[in-house]
Amino acid sequence: MTEAATTRTGSGAGSGGSRLRGWAALFGLGMVGVVALAVTAARSLQGTAGLEGLSYPALVVVAAANSTVLLAVFVTLGVVTAPRVGLHSHVYRWATGQPPEWSAFRESLPLAIGLGVASFVAVAILEAAFSPFVSLTTGAVLSDAETLRALAESIPLRLLYGGITEELLLRWGTMAPLAWLFWRVGAQVGDGRERPSDTVVWAAIVGSAILFGLGHLPTLLATDEASVALVVRTVVLNAVAGVAFGWLFWRRSLEAAMVAHASFHVALLVASTVLVVGF
């Protein structure tokens, strides 16, 4: 672990009131992405059997319900475990009355943006490598104008839900609990370390990255026939990015991981737009 991370291990637990403020700050941040997801999903719910009489705002509430519960649970898991294993959020520190270290966050921005773009490049190369073995359903053929409009409409979902909420779910609420769990299991079998080793943190990074990839399977398999190649491709592509974001969470902060995740989507949007306009 870095020296900065080491000094944070075990700190930040605070009183019950300060932890509640930290929880509320992160939950509120994550709800921005949940709302973006719900606004998009509500359109597809219009006309659904049993929901015909609901107004659009009511459909947004329905669409947000499941994600809101999940966000609450995963933010709670992170609040309980992240400070204990030295994983850091500037927003959480600020909300709990600790120095938020915004200057360190600003210094991490070039690395976060660069790693986000590099992750996109790596994923694009892997996608090309997998393409001979995987056939994806393309759906309806859209005109260039329709494709560009769909890309534009996806921006809030990609940047807010992908960049913010998914990091709270996968890094804060999954990677941190995994690191804590592996650390405590190690303590039970004779590893008396006062804080998680690098190996333990890497196991949590990879574990959460794989879960990130697995989490994309249900939506994909709803439109494409399951195959070993498709499953491997989906898990690997998403895990590559997840490992990068997890490393940033560990070495820098949760917010740095959010910036990298958002930068990944910006690179994806730019590349997709160039392909549409250029060809």
Protein backbone atom coordinates (compact mmCIF):
# COMPACT_ATOMS: atom_id res chain seq x y z
CA MET A 1 0.00 0.00 0.00
CA THR A 2 1.10 3.60 -0.47
CA GLU A 3 2.30 5.58 2.51
CA ALA A 4 -0.79 7.80 2.28
CA ALA A 5 -3.08 4.78 2.22
CA THR A 6 -1.23 3.24 5.13
CA THR A 7 -1.77 6.28 7.32
CA ARG A 8 -5.47 6.16 6.52
CA THR A 9 -5.94 2.51 7.47
CA GLY A 10 -8.24 2.26 10.43
CA SER A 11 -8.99 5.98 10.31
CA GLY A 12 -12.15 7.59 9.14
CA ALA A 13 -14.51 5.34 11.10
CA GLY A 14 -15.61 8.32 13.18
CA SER A 15 -18.75 8.52 15.30
CA GLY A 16 -22.11 7.14 14.27
CA GLY A 17 -23.28 10.63 13.32
CA SER A 18 -20.27 11.37 11.14
CA ARG A 19 -20.54 7.99 9.42
CA LEU A 20 -24.20 8.71 8.73
CA ARG A 21 -23.26 12.04 7.14
CA GLY A 22 -20.63 10.26 5.04
CA TRP A 23 -23.17 7.64 4.01
CA ALA A 24 -25.69 10.32 3.05
CA ALA A 25 -23.12 12.21 0.95
CA LEU A 26 -22.12 9.13 -1.03
CA PHE A 27 -25.70 7.90 -1.35
CA GLY A 28 -26.78 11.31 -2.65
CA LEU A 29 -23.89 11.30 -5.13
CA GLY A 30 -24.86 7.86 -6.35
CA MET A 31 -28.52 8.82 -6.70
CA VAL A 32 -27.55 11.25 -9.46
CA GLY A 33 -26.66 8.22 -11.56
CA VAL A 34 -29.71 6.27 -10.43
CA VAL A 35 -31.96 9.10 -11.61
CA ALA A 36 -30.16 9.17 -14.97
CA LEU A 37 -30.73 5.42 -15.30
CA ALA A 38 -34.37 5.67 -14.25
CA VAL A 39 -35.14 8.50 -16.67
CA THR A 40 -33.77 6.37 -19.50
CA ALA A 41 -35.45 3.14 -18.35
CA ALA A 42 -38.83 4.82 -17.77
CA ARG A 43 -39.23 5.38 -21.50
CA SER A 44 -39.15 1.64 -22.13
CA LEU A 45 -41.73 1.06 -19.39
CA GLN A 46 -44.34 3.25 -21.06
CA GLY A 47 -47.11 0.99 -22.33
CA THR A 48 -45.91 -2.00 -20.30
CA ALA A 49 -48.75 -4.24 -19.13
CA GLY A 50 -49.85 -3.21 -15.64
CA LEU A 51 -48.16 0.19 -15.83
CA GLU A 52 -50.37 1.85 -18.45
CA GLY A 53 -52.03 4.19 -15.99
CA LEU A 54 -48.84 5.54 -14.45
CA SER A 55 -47.53 8.98 -15.30
CA TYR A 56 -43.99 9.40 -16.56
CA PRO A 57 -42.71 10.68 -13.17
CA ALA A 58 -44.27 7.62 -11.51
CA LEU A 59 -42.54 5.37 -14.03
CA VAL A 60 -39.23 7.05 -13.16
CA VAL A 61 -39.83 6.21 -9.49
CA VAL A 62 -40.64 2.59 -10.39
CA ALA A 63 -37.52 2.34 -12.56
CA ALA A 64 -35.35 3.80 -9.77
CA ALA A 65 -36.64 1.60 -6.95
CA ASN A 66 -34.37 -1.44 -7.35
CA SER A 67 -31.22 0.58 -8.03
CA THR A 68 -31.93 2.82 -5.03
CA VAL A 69 -32.10 -0.15 -2.67
CA LEU A 70 -28.92 -1.65 -4.12
CA LEU A 71 -27.12 1.68 -3.82
CA ALA A 72 -28.15 2.03 -0.16
CA VAL A 73 -26.89 -1.47 0.63
CA PHE A 74 -23.56 -1.13 -1.16
CA VAL A 75 -22.82 2.34 0.21
CA THR A 76 -23.45 0.94 3.68
CA LEU A 77 -21.06 -1.96 3.06
CA GLY A 78 -18.38 0.49 1.95
CA VAL A 79 -18.89 2.80 4.92
CA VAL A 80 -18.41 -0.15 7.27
CA THR A 81 -15.32 -1.58 5.56
CA ALA A 82 -13.46 0.95 3.38
CA PRO A 83 -11.97 3.07 6.21
CA ARG A 84 -10.83 -0.10 7.97
CA VAL A 85 -8.76 -1.25 5.00
CA GLY A 86 -7.36 2.16 4.03
CA LEU A 87 -9.53 2.75 0.96
CA HIS A 88 -10.26 6.40 0.54
CA SER A 89 -13.00 8.77 -0.61
CA HIS A 90 -12.53 12.53 -0.53
CA VAL A 91 -16.30 13.07 -0.40
CA TYR A 92 -16.65 10.69 2.53
CA ARG A 93 -13.81 12.35 4.41
CA TRP A 94 -15.31 15.78 3.77
CA ALA A 95 -18.76 14.71 4.95
CA THR A 96 -17.38 13.11 8.11
CA GLY A 97 -15.44 16.22 9.07
CA GLN A 98 -11.98 15.03 8.03
CA PRO A 99 -9.59 16.84 5.67
CA PRO A 100 -10.80 15.89 2.18
CA GLU A 101 -7.40 16.34 0.47
CA TRP A 102 -8.84 18.01 -2.64
CA SER A 103 -5.35 19.00 -3.78
CA ALA A 104 -4.38 15.32 -3.95
CA PHE A 105 -7.52 14.67 -6.00
CA ARG A 106 -6.60 17.43 -8.46
CA GLU A 107 -3.10 16.01 -8.79
CA SER A 108 -4.57 12.58 -9.60
CA LEU A 109 -6.76 13.84 -12.46
CA PRO A 110 -4.21 13.45 -15.30
CA LEU A 111 -3.47 9.88 -14.20
CA ALA A 112 -7.18 9.06 -13.85
CA ILE A 113 -8.08 10.50 -17.26
CA GLY A 114 -5.10 8.85 -18.93
CA LEU A 115 -5.83 5.47 -17.37
CA GLY A 116 -9.49 5.74 -18.36
CA VAL A 117 -8.57 6.41 -22.00
CA ALA A 118 -5.88 3.68 -21.95
CA SER A 119 -8.45 1.23 -20.59
CA PHE A 120 -10.74 2.03 -23.50
CA VAL A 121 -7.91 1.41 -25.97
CA ALA A 122 -7.10 -1.92 -24.31
CA VAL A 123 -10.75 -2.96 -24.35
CA ALA A 124 -11.10 -1.95 -28.01
CA ILE A 125 -8.08 -4.08 -28.94
CA LEU A 126 -9.47 -7.05 -27.00
CA GLU A 127 -12.87 -6.55 -28.61
CA ALA A 128 -11.24 -6.83 -32.03
CA ALA A 129 -9.40 -9.95 -30.90
CA PHE A 130 -12.62 -11.59 -29.73
CA SER A 131 -14.68 -10.58 -32.77
CA PRO A 132 -13.88 -13.71 -34.88
CA PHE A 133 -15.23 -15.90 -32.07
CA VAL A 134 -18.27 -13.90 -30.94
CA SER A 135 -21.28 -12.83 -32.97
CA LEU A 136 -23.35 -10.14 -31.28
CA THR A 137 -26.92 -9.25 -32.14
CA THR A 138 -26.87 -5.84 -33.78
CA GLY A 139 -30.62 -5.13 -33.59
CA ALA A 140 -32.34 -2.67 -35.89
CA VAL A 141 -30.16 -0.88 -38.41
CA LEU A 142 -30.09 2.82 -37.55
CA SER A 143 -29.27 5.74 -39.79
CA ASP A 144 -26.24 7.86 -38.93
CA ALA A 145 -28.51 10.56 -37.49
CA GLU A 146 -30.36 8.04 -35.32
CA THR A 147 -27.10 6.53 -34.12
CA LEU A 148 -25.70 9.94 -33.19
CA ARG A 149 -28.90 10.82 -31.38
CA ALA A 150 -28.77 7.53 -29.43
CA LEU A 151 -25.15 8.25 -28.48
CA ALA A 152 -26.07 11.74 -27.30
CA GLU A 153 -29.00 10.43 -25.26
CA SER A 154 -26.73 7.89 -23.58
CA ILE A 155 -24.28 10.52 -22.27
CA PRO A 156 -25.99 11.13 -18.88
CA LEU A 157 -26.38 7.39 -18.30
CA ARG A 158 -22.77 6.61 -19.20
CA LEU A 159 -21.15 9.46 -17.27
CA LEU A 160 -23.42 9.61 -14.22
CA TYR A 161 -24.53 6.03 -13.67
CA GLY A 162 -21.43 4.43 -15.17
CA GLY A 163 -18.91 6.93 -13.88
CA ILE A 164 -20.36 7.54 -10.42
CA THR A 165 -22.93 4.96 -9.32
CA GLU A 166 -21.16 1.89 -10.68
CA GLU A 167 -17.98 2.92 -8.86
CA LEU A 168 -19.93 3.19 -5.61
CA LEU A 169 -21.41 -0.25 -6.22
CA LEU A 170 -18.32 -2.06 -7.51
CA ARG A 171 -15.40 -0.34 -5.83
CA TRP A 172 -16.75 1.24 -2.63
CA GLY A 173 -19.43 -1.38 -1.98
CA THR A 174 -17.75 -4.53 -3.35
CA MET A 175 -13.98 -4.13 -3.52
CA ALA A 176 -13.71 -2.66 -0.02
CA PRO A 177 -15.83 -5.41 1.62
CA LEU A 178 -13.84 -8.07 -0.26
CA ALA A 179 -10.55 -6.58 0.93
CA TRP A 180 -11.87 -6.51 4.50
CA LEU A 181 -13.18 -10.10 4.24
CA PHE A 182 -9.94 -11.50 2.78
CA TRP A 183 -7.97 -9.62 5.44
CA ARG A 184 -10.09 -10.97 8.30
CA VAL A 185 -9.98 -14.54 6.90
CA GLY A 186 -6.20 -14.22 6.75
CA ALA A 187 -6.16 -13.11 10.38
CA GLN A 188 -8.11 -16.22 11.38
CA VAL A 189 -5.60 -18.54 9.73
CA GLY A 190 -2.57 -16.95 11.32
CA ASP A 191 -1.80 -13.82 9.28
CA GLY A 192 -1.50 -11.26 12.04
CA ARG A 193 -1.12 -8.21 9.80
CA GLU A 194 -2.60 -5.00 11.16
CA ARG A 195 -3.74 -4.01 7.70
CA PRO A 196 -4.40 -5.80 4.38
CA SER A 197 -1.34 -6.81 2.40
CA ASP A 198 -0.89 -5.83 -1.23
CA THR A 199 -1.83 -9.40 -2.19
CA VAL A 200 -5.12 -9.11 -0.32
CA VAL A 201 -5.96 -5.80 -1.98
CA TRP A 202 -5.09 -7.16 -5.41
CA ALA A 203 -7.37 -10.13 -4.78
CA ALA A 204 -10.17 -7.68 -3.95
CA ILE A 205 -9.42 -5.60 -7.05
CA VAL A 206 -9.55 -8.64 -9.34
CA GLY A 207 -12.56 -10.11 -7.55
CA SER A 208 -14.61 -6.94 -7.87
CA ALA A 209 -13.49 -6.53 -11.50
CA ILE A 210 -14.70 -10.04 -12.36
CA LEU A 211 -18.01 -9.35 -10.63
CA PHE A 212 -18.20 -6.14 -12.70
CA GLY A 213 -17.87 -8.23 -15.84
CA LEU A 214 -20.37 -10.85 -14.66
CA GLY A 215 -22.84 -8.08 -13.89
CA HIS A 216 -23.02 -7.21 -17.59
CA LEU A 217 -24.04 -10.73 -18.62
CA PRO A 218 -27.80 -10.68 -17.85
CA THR A 219 -28.50 -7.72 -20.15
CA LEU A 220 -26.29 -9.13 -22.91
CA LEU A 221 -27.70 -12.65 -22.71
CA ALA A 222 -31.21 -11.25 -22.99
CA THR A 223 -30.48 -10.47 -26.65
CA ASP A 224 -27.65 -12.86 -27.57
CA GLU A 225 -27.38 -16.64 -27.38
CA ALA A 226 -25.14 -17.79 -24.56
CA SER A 227 -21.76 -19.25 -25.47
CA VAL A 228 -18.48 -19.77 -23.70
CA ALA A 229 -16.77 -17.25 -26.00
CA LEU A 230 -19.44 -14.62 -25.33
CA VAL A 231 -19.22 -15.06 -21.55
CA VAL A 232 -15.41 -14.97 -21.55
CA ARG A 233 -15.35 -11.94 -23.84
CA THR A 234 -17.83 -10.00 -21.70
CA VAL A 235 -16.12 -10.78 -18.40
CA VAL A 236 -12.61 -10.11 -19.70
CA LEU A 237 -13.43 -6.82 -21.42
CA ASN A 238 -15.19 -5.40 -18.39
CA ALA A 239 -12.68 -6.84 -15.91
CA VAL A 240 -9.77 -5.14 -17.67
CA ALA A 241 -11.36 -1.76 -17.05
CA GLY A 242 -12.43 -2.82 -13.56
CA VAL A 243 -8.86 -3.68 -12.57
CA ALA A 244 -7.68 -0.25 -13.69
CA PHE A 245 -10.44 1.51 -11.75
CA GLY A 246 -9.81 -0.65 -8.70
CA TRP A 247 -6.10 0.15 -8.73
CA LEU A 248 -6.93 3.86 -8.82
CA PHE A 249 -9.32 3.46 -5.90
CA TRP A 250 -6.55 1.78 -3.93
CA ARG A 251 -3.66 4.06 -4.85
CA ARG A 252 -5.54 7.35 -5.19
CA SER A 253 -9.22 7.60 -4.26
CA LEU A 254 -12.74 6.56 -5.11
CA GLU A 255 -13.20 9.84 -6.94
CA ALA A 256 -10.14 9.17 -9.10
CA ALA A 257 -11.71 5.83 -10.08
CA MET A 258 -14.92 7.69 -10.95
CA VAL A 259 -13.03 10.10 -13.20
CA ALA A 260 -11.28 7.19 -14.95
CA HIS A 261 -14.57 5.37 -15.47
CA ALA A 262 -16.18 8.50 -16.91
CA SER A 263 -13.11 9.10 -19.11
CA PHE A 264 -13.46 5.56 -20.47
CA HIS A 265 -17.01 6.39 -21.58
CA VAL A 266 -15.94 9.75 -23.05
CA ALA A 267 -13.33 7.94 -25.15
CA LEU A 268 -15.95 5.40 -26.20
CA LEU A 269 -18.40 8.13 -27.20
CA VAL A 270 -15.75 10.02 -29.15
CA ALA A 271 -14.58 6.90 -30.98
CA SER A 272 -18.15 5.85 -31.76
CA THR A 273 -18.97 9.31 -33.10
CA VAL A 274 -15.85 9.36 -35.28
CA LEU A 275 -16.77 5.94 -36.71
CA VAL A 276 -20.29 7.10 -37.55
CA VAL A 277 -19.30 10.46 -39.01
CA GLY A 278 -16.18 9.16 -40.71
CA PHE A 279 -17.76 6.13 -42.35
